[in-house]
């Protein structure tokens, strides 16, 4: 019995199981099925796209922008001094940390660039040479710590609301001005 040859022009709908069953009909099925399994493994895991080789890494781009006050403000809507103070506050008091994939400075820059300059996640991915998952994770990580900061900063002076502002006592606000 001659071995069956599998051609490239086969229907794309045929699954790997069908191919293995065709090979199993032959006498040398163990050898051929092993070769096919190796080929499928190689095709799935070893033929990756080449890594990107950026002209300037994301962290180098960030450091370049943070060195010039005007460019930093245009990109991130914050001065370098305020940026470093915010970064220090978030890292020391609220727990913002660097990860294996990006530093805490880079994470804060991603957030400020997307929010302040209205950049998309894909633009941040492209400019900072990070994956979409990394950009997404960093954005929400910084957002979480900034909301913790906001809870500490944005709060009423009188948390029980016992005092009423004098302007609200005007008859113009009638039924509400009588509630005391």
N, C-alpha and C. Protein backbone atom coordinates (compact mmCIF):
# COMPACT_ATOMS: atom_id res chain seq x y z
N UNK A 1 0.83 -1.17 0.00
CA UNK A 1 0.00 0.00 0.00
C UNK A 1 0.88 1.24 0.00
N UNK A 2 0.62 2.18 -0.89
CA UNK A 2 1.42 3.40 -0.99
C UNK A 2 0.95 4.43 0.04
N UNK A 3 1.90 5.20 0.61
CA UNK A 3 1.49 6.24 1.56
C UNK A 3 0.70 7.33 0.85
N UNK A 4 -0.25 7.84 1.55
CA UNK A 4 -1.10 8.87 0.99
C UNK A 4 -0.40 10.23 1.13
N UNK A 5 -0.38 11.01 0.09
CA UNK A 5 0.27 12.31 0.09
C UNK A 5 -0.78 13.38 0.37
N UNK A 6 -0.44 14.25 1.29
CA UNK A 6 -1.36 15.34 1.64
C UNK A 6 -0.89 16.58 0.90
N UNK A 7 -1.74 17.14 0.09
CA UNK A 7 -1.38 18.28 -0.76
C UNK A 7 -1.79 19.59 -0.10
N UNK A 8 -1.14 20.66 -0.56
CA UNK A 8 -1.45 21.99 -0.06
C UNK A 8 -2.79 22.49 -0.58
N UNK A 9 -3.26 21.95 -1.68
CA UNK A 9 -4.51 22.45 -2.26
C UNK A 9 -5.73 21.75 -1.69
N UNK A 10 -5.56 21.08 -0.55
CA UNK A 10 -6.68 20.43 0.11
C UNK A 10 -7.64 21.48 0.63
N UNK A 11 -8.88 21.11 0.85
CA UNK A 11 -9.87 22.06 1.41
C UNK A 11 -9.37 22.61 2.73
N UNK A 12 -9.55 23.89 2.93
CA UNK A 12 -9.12 24.50 4.18
C UNK A 12 -10.01 24.09 5.33
N UNK A 13 -11.18 23.52 5.04
CA UNK A 13 -12.12 23.13 6.08
C UNK A 13 -11.72 21.83 6.75
N UNK A 14 -10.81 21.05 6.16
CA UNK A 14 -10.44 19.77 6.76
C UNK A 14 -9.66 20.03 8.04
N UNK A 15 -10.02 19.33 9.07
CA UNK A 15 -9.39 19.56 10.36
C UNK A 15 -8.17 18.67 10.53
N UNK A 16 -7.44 18.92 11.60
CA UNK A 16 -6.25 18.13 11.89
C UNK A 16 -6.61 16.68 12.18
N UNK A 17 -7.77 16.45 12.80
CA UNK A 17 -8.20 15.08 13.10
C UNK A 17 -8.45 14.28 11.82
N UNK A 18 -9.01 14.92 10.81
CA UNK A 18 -9.25 14.24 9.55
C UNK A 18 -7.93 13.85 8.89
N UNK A 19 -6.96 14.74 8.98
CA UNK A 19 -5.66 14.46 8.39
C UNK A 19 -5.00 13.30 9.12
N UNK A 20 -5.09 13.30 10.46
CA UNK A 20 -4.51 12.20 11.23
C UNK A 20 -5.20 10.87 10.93
N UNK A 21 -6.52 10.91 10.70
CA UNK A 21 -7.22 9.66 10.38
C UNK A 21 -6.80 9.13 9.00
N UNK A 22 -6.50 10.02 8.06
CA UNK A 22 -6.02 9.60 6.75
C UNK A 22 -4.64 8.95 6.86
N UNK A 23 -3.81 9.49 7.71
CA UNK A 23 -2.47 8.94 7.90
C UNK A 23 -2.54 7.60 8.62
N UNK A 24 -3.50 7.46 9.53
CA UNK A 24 -3.63 6.22 10.30
C UNK A 24 -3.96 5.03 9.43
N UNK A 25 -4.54 5.24 8.26
CA UNK A 25 -4.87 4.16 7.34
C UNK A 25 -3.61 3.53 6.74
N UNK A 26 -2.51 4.25 6.75
CA UNK A 26 -1.26 3.78 6.16
C UNK A 26 -0.53 2.90 7.17
N UNK A 27 0.41 2.11 6.70
CA UNK A 27 1.18 1.22 7.56
C UNK A 27 2.16 1.95 8.46
N UNK A 28 2.73 3.05 8.02
CA UNK A 28 3.71 3.81 8.79
C UNK A 28 3.02 4.96 9.54
N UNK A 29 1.91 4.70 10.13
CA UNK A 29 1.11 5.77 10.71
C UNK A 29 1.79 6.46 11.88
N UNK A 30 2.57 5.72 12.69
CA UNK A 30 3.20 6.35 13.84
C UNK A 30 4.23 7.40 13.40
N UNK A 31 5.04 7.02 12.44
CA UNK A 31 6.06 7.94 11.96
C UNK A 31 5.43 9.17 11.30
N UNK A 32 4.47 8.94 10.41
CA UNK A 32 3.84 10.06 9.70
C UNK A 32 3.01 10.94 10.62
N UNK A 33 2.31 10.32 11.57
CA UNK A 33 1.53 11.14 12.48
C UNK A 33 2.45 11.95 13.39
N UNK A 34 3.58 11.39 13.77
CA UNK A 34 4.55 12.15 14.57
C UNK A 34 5.11 13.33 13.80
N UNK A 35 5.41 13.10 12.54
CA UNK A 35 5.92 14.20 11.70
C UNK A 35 4.85 15.29 11.53
N UNK A 36 3.61 14.86 11.34
CA UNK A 36 2.54 15.83 11.18
C UNK A 36 2.31 16.63 12.46
N UNK A 37 2.35 15.95 13.59
CA UNK A 37 2.18 16.64 14.87
C UNK A 37 3.30 17.66 15.07
N UNK A 38 4.54 17.26 14.71
CA UNK A 38 5.66 18.19 14.81
C UNK A 38 5.44 19.39 13.90
N UNK A 39 5.00 19.15 12.67
CA UNK A 39 4.77 20.24 11.72
C UNK A 39 3.68 21.18 12.22
N UNK A 40 2.60 20.63 12.78
CA UNK A 40 1.52 21.47 13.31
C UNK A 40 2.01 22.28 14.50
N UNK A 41 2.81 21.64 15.38
CA UNK A 41 3.36 22.35 16.54
C UNK A 41 4.29 23.48 16.07
N UNK A 42 5.15 23.18 15.14
CA UNK A 42 6.08 24.18 14.63
C UNK A 42 5.33 25.35 14.00
N UNK A 43 4.31 25.03 13.22
CA UNK A 43 3.53 26.08 12.56
C UNK A 43 2.80 26.95 13.57
N UNK A 44 2.32 26.36 14.65
CA UNK A 44 1.53 27.10 15.63
C UNK A 44 2.40 27.92 16.58
N UNK A 45 3.51 27.37 17.05
CA UNK A 45 4.28 28.01 18.11
C UNK A 45 5.63 28.60 17.68
N UNK A 46 6.18 28.16 16.58
CA UNK A 46 7.54 28.58 16.23
C UNK A 46 7.60 29.58 15.09
N UNK A 47 6.53 29.81 14.41
CA UNK A 47 6.55 30.76 13.29
C UNK A 47 5.87 32.05 13.75
N UNK A 48 6.54 32.79 14.57
CA UNK A 48 6.03 34.04 15.11
C UNK A 48 6.52 35.21 14.25
N UNK A 49 5.82 36.30 14.36
CA UNK A 49 6.25 37.52 13.68
C UNK A 49 7.53 38.01 14.36
N UNK A 50 8.39 38.64 13.62
CA UNK A 50 9.63 39.14 14.24
C UNK A 50 9.32 40.25 15.25
N UNK A 51 10.16 40.33 16.27
CA UNK A 51 10.00 41.38 17.26
C UNK A 51 10.23 42.74 16.62
N UNK A 52 9.50 43.72 17.12
CA UNK A 52 9.68 45.08 16.61
C UNK A 52 11.00 45.65 17.11
N UNK A 53 11.68 46.32 16.26
CA UNK A 53 12.92 46.99 16.63
C UNK A 53 12.68 48.49 16.55
N UNK A 54 12.27 49.10 17.64
CA UNK A 54 11.95 50.53 17.58
C UNK A 54 13.19 51.39 17.44
N UNK A 55 12.98 52.54 16.82
CA UNK A 55 14.05 53.52 16.71
C UNK A 55 14.41 54.04 18.10
N UNK A 56 13.39 54.25 18.90
CA UNK A 56 13.57 54.73 20.26
C UNK A 56 12.56 53.97 21.12
N UNK A 57 13.01 53.40 22.22
CA UNK A 57 12.09 52.64 23.07
C UNK A 57 11.08 53.59 23.71
N UNK A 58 10.01 53.01 24.24
CA UNK A 58 8.98 53.82 24.87
C UNK A 58 9.52 54.62 26.05
N UNK A 59 10.36 54.00 26.86
CA UNK A 59 10.93 54.69 28.01
C UNK A 59 11.87 55.80 27.58
N UNK A 60 12.64 55.59 26.52
CA UNK A 60 13.50 56.66 26.00
C UNK A 60 12.68 57.83 25.49
N UNK A 61 11.56 57.53 24.83
CA UNK A 61 10.67 58.59 24.33
C UNK A 61 10.10 59.39 25.50
N UNK A 62 9.71 58.69 26.56
CA UNK A 62 9.16 59.36 27.75
C UNK A 62 10.22 60.26 28.37
N UNK A 63 11.42 59.76 28.56
CA UNK A 63 12.48 60.56 29.16
C UNK A 63 12.83 61.76 28.29
N UNK A 64 12.78 61.59 26.99
CA UNK A 64 13.04 62.68 26.06
C UNK A 64 11.99 63.78 26.23
N UNK A 65 10.72 63.40 26.35
CA UNK A 65 9.65 64.38 26.51
C UNK A 65 9.69 65.06 27.87
N UNK A 66 10.07 64.32 28.91
CA UNK A 66 10.11 64.89 30.25
C UNK A 66 11.27 65.85 30.46
N UNK A 67 12.25 65.86 29.58
CA UNK A 67 13.38 66.78 29.71
C UNK A 67 13.04 68.20 29.27
N UNK A 68 12.07 68.35 28.40
CA UNK A 68 11.69 69.67 27.88
C UNK A 68 10.32 70.05 28.42
N UNK A 69 10.24 71.16 29.13
CA UNK A 69 9.01 71.59 29.78
C UNK A 69 7.86 71.78 28.78
N UNK A 70 8.12 72.45 27.68
CA UNK A 70 7.06 72.74 26.70
C UNK A 70 6.56 71.45 26.03
N UNK A 71 7.47 70.60 25.61
CA UNK A 71 7.06 69.35 24.96
C UNK A 71 6.34 68.44 25.94
N UNK A 72 6.77 68.43 27.19
CA UNK A 72 6.11 67.62 28.21
C UNK A 72 4.68 68.12 28.41
N UNK A 73 4.49 69.42 28.49
CA UNK A 73 3.15 69.96 28.69
C UNK A 73 2.26 69.70 27.47
N UNK A 74 2.83 69.82 26.28
CA UNK A 74 2.04 69.57 25.07
C UNK A 74 1.59 68.12 24.98
N UNK A 75 2.43 67.21 25.40
CA UNK A 75 2.11 65.78 25.29
C UNK A 75 1.24 65.27 26.44
N UNK A 76 1.56 65.69 27.66
CA UNK A 76 0.93 65.08 28.83
C UNK A 76 0.07 66.04 29.64
N UNK A 77 0.02 67.32 29.26
CA UNK A 77 -0.75 68.36 29.94
C UNK A 77 -0.35 68.53 31.40
N UNK A 78 0.95 68.37 31.65
CA UNK A 78 1.48 68.53 33.00
C UNK A 78 2.95 68.89 32.89
N UNK A 79 3.44 69.71 33.79
CA UNK A 79 4.86 70.08 33.76
C UNK A 79 5.69 68.92 34.30
N UNK A 80 6.96 68.85 33.95
CA UNK A 80 7.80 67.76 34.45
C UNK A 80 7.88 67.72 35.98
N UNK A 81 7.94 68.89 36.60
CA UNK A 81 8.00 68.95 38.07
C UNK A 81 6.74 68.34 38.69
N UNK A 82 5.59 68.74 38.17
CA UNK A 82 4.33 68.20 38.70
C UNK A 82 4.20 66.71 38.37
N UNK A 83 4.71 66.31 37.21
CA UNK A 83 4.66 64.90 36.84
C UNK A 83 5.43 64.07 37.86
N UNK A 84 6.65 64.48 38.18
CA UNK A 84 7.46 63.71 39.12
C UNK A 84 6.85 63.74 40.52
N UNK A 85 6.24 64.86 40.91
CA UNK A 85 5.58 64.92 42.22
C UNK A 85 4.37 63.98 42.26
N UNK A 86 3.59 63.96 41.18
CA UNK A 86 2.44 63.05 41.11
C UNK A 86 2.92 61.60 41.12
N UNK A 87 3.97 61.31 40.38
CA UNK A 87 4.51 59.95 40.34
C UNK A 87 4.99 59.53 41.73
N UNK A 88 5.69 60.41 42.39
CA UNK A 88 6.19 60.11 43.74
C UNK A 88 5.03 59.87 44.71
N UNK A 89 4.00 60.68 44.64
CA UNK A 89 2.83 60.52 45.50
C UNK A 89 2.12 59.19 45.23
N UNK A 90 1.94 58.86 43.96
CA UNK A 90 1.25 57.61 43.62
C UNK A 90 2.06 56.38 44.02
N UNK A 91 3.38 56.44 43.89
CA UNK A 91 4.20 55.28 44.24
C UNK A 91 4.36 55.12 45.75
N UNK A 92 4.55 56.22 46.45
CA UNK A 92 4.81 56.11 47.89
C UNK A 92 3.54 55.95 48.71
N UNK A 93 2.49 56.66 48.37
CA UNK A 93 1.29 56.66 49.21
C UNK A 93 0.18 55.73 48.73
N UNK A 94 0.14 55.44 47.45
CA UNK A 94 -0.99 54.69 46.93
C UNK A 94 -0.62 53.35 46.31
N UNK A 95 0.65 53.04 46.18
CA UNK A 95 1.05 51.69 45.78
C UNK A 95 1.28 51.46 44.30
N UNK A 96 1.44 52.50 43.50
CA UNK A 96 1.75 52.30 42.08
C UNK A 96 3.16 51.71 41.98
N UNK A 97 3.27 50.59 41.27
CA UNK A 97 4.57 49.90 41.17
C UNK A 97 4.89 49.59 39.72
N UNK A 98 6.17 49.41 39.47
CA UNK A 98 6.61 48.98 38.15
C UNK A 98 6.32 47.49 37.99
N UNK A 99 6.14 47.07 36.75
CA UNK A 99 5.95 45.65 36.48
C UNK A 99 7.14 45.15 35.67
N UNK A 100 7.11 43.88 35.31
CA UNK A 100 8.19 43.32 34.49
C UNK A 100 8.22 43.96 33.11
N UNK A 101 7.03 44.36 32.62
CA UNK A 101 6.93 44.85 31.26
C UNK A 101 7.13 46.35 31.12
N UNK A 102 6.81 47.12 32.15
CA UNK A 102 6.97 48.57 32.04
C UNK A 102 7.13 49.19 33.42
N UNK A 103 7.77 50.35 33.43
CA UNK A 103 8.01 51.04 34.69
C UNK A 103 6.77 51.83 35.10
N UNK A 104 6.76 52.27 36.35
CA UNK A 104 5.62 53.05 36.84
C UNK A 104 5.58 54.42 36.16
N UNK A 105 6.74 54.96 35.79
CA UNK A 105 6.77 56.23 35.07
C UNK A 105 6.12 56.06 33.71
N UNK A 106 6.44 54.98 33.04
CA UNK A 106 5.87 54.71 31.72
C UNK A 106 4.36 54.48 31.82
N UNK A 107 3.91 53.82 32.87
CA UNK A 107 2.47 53.59 33.06
C UNK A 107 1.74 54.91 33.27
N UNK A 108 2.32 55.79 34.08
CA UNK A 108 1.69 57.10 34.31
C UNK A 108 1.67 57.93 33.04
N UNK A 109 2.74 57.87 32.27
CA UNK A 109 2.79 58.59 30.99
C UNK A 109 1.72 58.07 30.04
N UNK A 110 1.57 56.74 29.96
CA UNK A 110 0.53 56.17 29.08
C UNK A 110 -0.83 56.74 29.45
N UNK A 111 -1.12 56.76 30.74
CA UNK A 111 -2.41 57.26 31.20
C UNK A 111 -2.57 58.74 30.86
N UNK A 112 -1.59 59.55 31.21
CA UNK A 112 -1.70 61.00 30.97
C UNK A 112 -1.75 61.32 29.48
N UNK A 113 -1.02 60.57 28.68
CA UNK A 113 -1.01 60.83 27.23
C UNK A 113 -2.36 60.49 26.62
N UNK A 114 -2.95 59.37 27.05
CA UNK A 114 -4.24 58.98 26.48
C UNK A 114 -5.36 59.90 26.96
N UNK A 115 -5.31 60.34 28.21
CA UNK A 115 -6.38 61.19 28.74
C UNK A 115 -6.17 62.65 28.36
N UNK A 116 -4.95 63.14 28.49
CA UNK A 116 -4.68 64.56 28.25
C UNK A 116 -4.61 64.95 26.80
N UNK A 117 -4.06 64.10 25.97
CA UNK A 117 -3.90 64.44 24.55
C UNK A 117 -4.89 63.69 23.67
N UNK A 118 -5.85 63.00 24.29
CA UNK A 118 -6.88 62.25 23.58
C UNK A 118 -6.30 61.27 22.55
N UNK A 119 -5.35 60.48 23.01
CA UNK A 119 -4.77 59.44 22.18
C UNK A 119 -5.50 58.13 22.44
N UNK A 120 -5.56 57.28 21.46
CA UNK A 120 -6.22 55.99 21.63
C UNK A 120 -5.24 54.98 22.22
N UNK A 121 -5.79 53.86 22.64
CA UNK A 121 -4.96 52.78 23.17
C UNK A 121 -4.02 52.26 22.09
N UNK A 122 -4.50 52.19 20.87
CA UNK A 122 -3.65 51.72 19.77
C UNK A 122 -2.52 52.70 19.47
N UNK A 123 -2.76 53.98 19.61
CA UNK A 123 -1.69 54.95 19.40
C UNK A 123 -0.64 54.83 20.51
N UNK A 124 -1.09 54.61 21.73
CA UNK A 124 -0.15 54.41 22.84
C UNK A 124 0.65 53.13 22.63
N UNK A 125 -0.01 52.09 22.14
CA UNK A 125 0.67 50.83 21.85
C UNK A 125 1.77 51.06 20.82
N UNK A 126 1.45 51.80 19.78
CA UNK A 126 2.40 52.03 18.70
C UNK A 126 3.55 52.94 19.13
N UNK A 127 3.25 54.02 19.82
CA UNK A 127 4.29 55.00 20.19
C UNK A 127 5.20 54.46 21.29
N UNK A 128 4.63 53.77 22.27
CA UNK A 128 5.42 53.31 23.41
C UNK A 128 5.94 51.89 23.24
N UNK A 129 5.62 51.27 22.09
CA UNK A 129 6.13 49.93 21.75
C UNK A 129 5.77 48.91 22.83
N UNK A 130 4.52 48.90 23.21
CA UNK A 130 4.00 47.93 24.17
C UNK A 130 2.81 47.22 23.56
N UNK A 131 2.45 46.09 24.10
CA UNK A 131 1.29 45.36 23.60
C UNK A 131 0.01 46.04 24.06
N UNK A 132 -1.09 45.71 23.38
CA UNK A 132 -2.37 46.28 23.79
C UNK A 132 -2.73 45.87 25.22
N UNK A 133 -2.40 44.65 25.57
CA UNK A 133 -2.68 44.18 26.93
C UNK A 133 -1.92 44.97 27.97
N UNK A 134 -0.65 45.26 27.70
CA UNK A 134 0.16 46.04 28.64
C UNK A 134 -0.39 47.46 28.77
N UNK A 135 -0.73 48.08 27.65
CA UNK A 135 -1.27 49.44 27.69
C UNK A 135 -2.58 49.46 28.47
N UNK A 136 -3.45 48.50 28.19
CA UNK A 136 -4.74 48.42 28.87
C UNK A 136 -4.56 48.23 30.37
N UNK A 137 -3.69 47.30 30.75
CA UNK A 137 -3.43 47.02 32.16
C UNK A 137 -2.87 48.24 32.87
N UNK A 138 -1.89 48.90 32.24
CA UNK A 138 -1.29 50.09 32.86
C UNK A 138 -2.30 51.22 33.00
N UNK A 139 -3.15 51.40 32.00
CA UNK A 139 -4.15 52.47 32.06
C UNK A 139 -5.06 52.27 33.27
N UNK A 140 -5.59 51.07 33.43
CA UNK A 140 -6.51 50.82 34.53
C UNK A 140 -5.80 50.76 35.88
N UNK A 141 -4.54 50.38 35.89
CA UNK A 141 -3.79 50.39 37.14
C UNK A 141 -3.62 51.83 37.64
N UNK A 142 -3.22 52.73 36.76
CA UNK A 142 -3.05 54.14 37.14
C UNK A 142 -4.40 54.75 37.49
N UNK A 143 -5.43 54.42 36.73
CA UNK A 143 -6.77 54.94 37.02
C UNK A 143 -7.22 54.53 38.42
N UNK A 144 -6.94 53.31 38.80
CA UNK A 144 -7.32 52.82 40.14
C UNK A 144 -6.64 53.65 41.23
N UNK A 145 -5.35 53.93 41.06
CA UNK A 145 -4.64 54.69 42.09
C UNK A 145 -5.03 56.16 42.07
N UNK A 146 -5.35 56.69 40.93
CA UNK A 146 -5.81 58.09 40.88
C UNK A 146 -7.19 58.25 41.51
N UNK A 147 -8.05 57.25 41.40
CA UNK A 147 -9.34 57.34 42.08
C UNK A 147 -9.17 57.26 43.59
N UNK A 148 -8.20 56.51 44.06
CA UNK A 148 -7.89 56.50 45.50
C UNK A 148 -7.40 57.87 45.94
N UNK A 149 -6.57 58.49 45.12
CA UNK A 149 -6.08 59.84 45.41
C UNK A 149 -7.25 60.83 45.41
N UNK A 150 -8.15 60.69 44.47
CA UNK A 150 -9.29 61.60 44.37
C UNK A 150 -10.18 61.50 45.61
N UNK A 151 -10.35 60.31 46.16
CA UNK A 151 -11.16 60.16 47.38
C UNK A 151 -10.56 60.94 48.54
N UNK A 152 -9.24 61.03 48.58
CA UNK A 152 -8.60 61.76 49.67
C UNK A 152 -8.61 63.27 49.43
N UNK A 153 -8.60 63.68 48.18
CA UNK A 153 -8.53 65.11 47.86
C UNK A 153 -9.90 65.74 47.75
N UNK A 154 -10.80 65.11 47.04
CA UNK A 154 -12.12 65.68 46.76
C UNK A 154 -13.10 65.19 47.81
N UNK A 155 -13.28 66.00 48.84
CA UNK A 155 -14.26 65.68 49.87
C UNK A 155 -14.76 66.98 50.47
N UNK A 156 -15.98 67.00 50.92
CA UNK A 156 -16.53 68.24 51.47
C UNK A 156 -15.87 68.60 52.81
N UNK A 157 -15.83 69.90 53.10
CA UNK A 157 -15.27 70.32 54.38
C UNK A 157 -16.15 69.84 55.52
N UNK A 158 -17.46 69.90 55.31
CA UNK A 158 -18.42 69.45 56.30
C UNK A 158 -19.06 68.17 55.78
N UNK A 159 -18.54 67.04 56.21
CA UNK A 159 -19.01 65.77 55.66
C UNK A 159 -20.45 65.44 56.06
N UNK A 160 -20.99 66.07 57.12
CA UNK A 160 -22.38 65.84 57.54
C UNK A 160 -23.35 66.82 56.89
N UNK A 161 -22.84 67.79 56.17
CA UNK A 161 -23.63 68.82 55.50
C UNK A 161 -24.55 69.57 56.48
N UNK A 162 -24.01 69.93 57.62
CA UNK A 162 -24.80 70.67 58.60
C UNK A 162 -24.85 72.16 58.28
N UNK A 163 -23.80 72.68 57.69
CA UNK A 163 -23.76 74.11 57.35
C UNK A 163 -24.30 74.30 55.93
N UNK A 164 -25.06 75.37 55.73
CA UNK A 164 -25.61 75.70 54.42
C UNK A 164 -24.95 76.98 53.95
N UNK A 165 -24.54 77.00 52.73
CA UNK A 165 -23.89 78.19 52.18
C UNK A 165 -24.88 79.36 52.20
N UNK A 166 -24.40 80.58 52.52
CA UNK A 166 -25.30 81.74 52.62
C UNK A 166 -26.07 82.03 51.33
N UNK A 167 -25.51 81.76 50.20
CA UNK A 167 -26.21 82.03 48.94
C UNK A 167 -27.46 81.15 48.80
N UNK A 168 -27.40 79.98 49.36
CA UNK A 168 -28.55 79.08 49.28
C UNK A 168 -29.68 79.48 50.21
N UNK A 169 -29.46 80.41 51.11
CA UNK A 169 -30.50 80.88 52.01
C UNK A 169 -31.39 81.93 51.34
N UNK A 170 -31.09 82.32 50.14
CA UNK A 170 -31.88 83.30 49.40
C UNK A 170 -33.29 82.78 49.15
N UNK A 171 -34.31 83.67 49.15
CA UNK A 171 -35.68 83.23 48.86
C UNK A 171 -35.82 82.66 47.44
N UNK A 172 -34.89 82.95 46.60
CA UNK A 172 -34.92 82.42 45.25
C UNK A 172 -34.91 80.88 45.23
N UNK A 173 -34.31 80.31 46.22
CA UNK A 173 -34.21 78.84 46.32
C UNK A 173 -35.25 78.31 47.30
N UNK A 174 -36.44 78.90 47.30
CA UNK A 174 -37.42 78.76 48.37
C UNK A 174 -37.60 77.36 48.95
N UNK A 175 -38.09 76.38 48.41
CA UNK A 175 -38.38 75.36 49.40
C UNK A 175 -37.13 74.81 50.04
N UNK A 176 -36.00 74.93 49.36
CA UNK A 176 -34.77 74.34 49.87
C UNK A 176 -34.08 75.25 50.90
N UNK A 177 -34.35 76.57 50.83
CA UNK A 177 -33.70 77.49 51.79
C UNK A 177 -34.32 77.37 53.16
N UNK A 178 -35.51 76.82 53.30
CA UNK A 178 -36.18 76.70 54.59
C UNK A 178 -35.78 75.41 55.31
N UNK A 179 -35.15 74.51 54.60
CA UNK A 179 -34.73 73.24 55.22
C UNK A 179 -33.44 73.48 55.99
N UNK A 180 -33.51 73.42 57.28
CA UNK A 180 -32.32 73.59 58.11
C UNK A 180 -32.36 72.65 59.28
